[in-house]
Protein backbone atom coordinates (compact mmCIF):
# COMPACT_ATOMS: atom_id res chain seq x y z
CA MET A 1 98.47 33.78 93.56
CA ARG A 2 99.61 30.49 92.85
CA SER A 3 96.98 29.11 95.21
CA LYS A 4 94.33 30.75 92.82
CA ALA A 5 95.86 29.17 89.70
CA ALA A 6 95.91 25.94 91.15
CA VAL A 7 92.33 26.11 92.34
CA ALA A 8 91.35 27.09 88.97
CA MET A 9 93.08 24.60 87.08
CA ALA A 10 91.77 21.93 89.59
CA ALA A 11 88.27 23.05 88.78
CA ILE A 12 88.82 22.83 84.79
CA ILE A 13 90.37 19.47 85.30
CA VAL A 14 87.50 18.06 87.28
CA GLY A 15 85.15 19.66 85.15
CA LEU A 16 86.46 17.86 82.03
CA GLY A 17 84.99 14.56 83.97
CA PHE A 18 81.52 15.73 83.02
CA GLU A 19 79.38 15.98 80.12
CA ALA A 20 79.00 19.46 78.85
CA ARG A 21 75.57 20.47 78.96
CA ALA A 22 75.75 23.82 77.99
CA GLN A 23 75.61 24.91 74.10
CA SER A 24 77.99 27.34 74.66
CA LEU A 25 80.26 29.23 77.37
CA PRO A 26 81.20 32.67 77.73
CA LEU A 27 84.81 33.46 78.31
CA VAL A 28 85.71 36.86 79.75
CA ASN A 29 89.11 38.47 78.38
CA GLN A 30 90.14 41.15 80.84
CA GLY A 31 93.30 41.89 78.83
CA ASN A 32 91.58 42.79 75.68
CA ALA A 33 88.08 43.57 76.78
CA THR A 34 86.31 41.05 74.40
CA VAL A 35 84.08 37.98 75.44
CA SER A 36 84.71 34.51 73.72
CA VAL A 37 81.99 32.25 73.16
CA VAL A 38 83.40 28.65 73.60
CA ASP A 39 81.88 25.35 72.20
CA PRO A 40 82.19 23.12 75.24
CA LYS A 41 82.23 19.82 73.59
CA THR A 42 85.36 20.69 70.99
CA LEU A 43 86.59 23.53 73.31
CA THR A 44 86.85 25.70 70.24
CA VAL A 45 86.06 29.47 70.25
CA THR A 46 83.08 29.99 67.90
CA ALA A 47 82.89 33.66 68.31
CA GLN A 48 84.38 36.72 69.96
CA ILE A 49 82.50 39.94 71.09
CA GLU A 50 84.17 43.24 71.63
CA GLU A 51 83.15 45.30 74.57
CA ARG A 52 82.43 48.98 73.49
CA LEU A 53 82.64 50.87 76.77
CA ALA A 54 84.32 54.12 77.29
CA GLY A 55 87.46 54.15 79.71
CA LYS A 56 88.71 51.38 81.38
CA ILE A 57 85.49 49.63 82.28
CA HIS A 58 85.02 45.90 81.38
CA ALA A 59 83.64 42.74 82.34
CA HIS A 60 85.38 40.82 84.90
CA GLU A 61 83.48 37.64 85.02
CA ALA A 62 80.23 36.02 83.14
CA ALA A 63 77.08 34.36 84.97
CA VAL A 64 74.67 32.16 83.19
CA SER A 65 70.93 31.43 84.48
CA PRO A 66 70.46 27.78 84.93
CA ASP A 67 68.05 27.67 81.85
CA GLY A 68 70.77 29.14 79.57
CA LYS A 69 68.48 31.86 78.63
CA THR A 70 70.07 34.81 80.44
CA GLU A 71 73.76 36.07 80.30
CA ARG A 72 75.04 38.53 82.87
CA TRP A 73 78.76 40.40 82.56
CA PRO A 74 79.12 42.44 85.89
CA LYS A 75 81.13 45.49 84.89
CA SER A 76 83.65 47.59 86.79
CA SER A 77 86.80 49.94 86.48
CA PRO A 78 90.44 49.19 87.99
């Protein structure tokens, strides 16, 4: 578990060295079943989308197409 956290933190730190080209970034919040929209330049949350699905099915990750026009939130249940 610690190694996963270390890899994630390293990816964030390395990513901070690059100019943000995306206009917004999706951030999946599994704990409260929402997706936050983050401005990559200011690192502020600009919107929060509530997932309204029955049961315990919710997004676990987000994938965005290279052109930024399509976003997918794969759903699964525990």
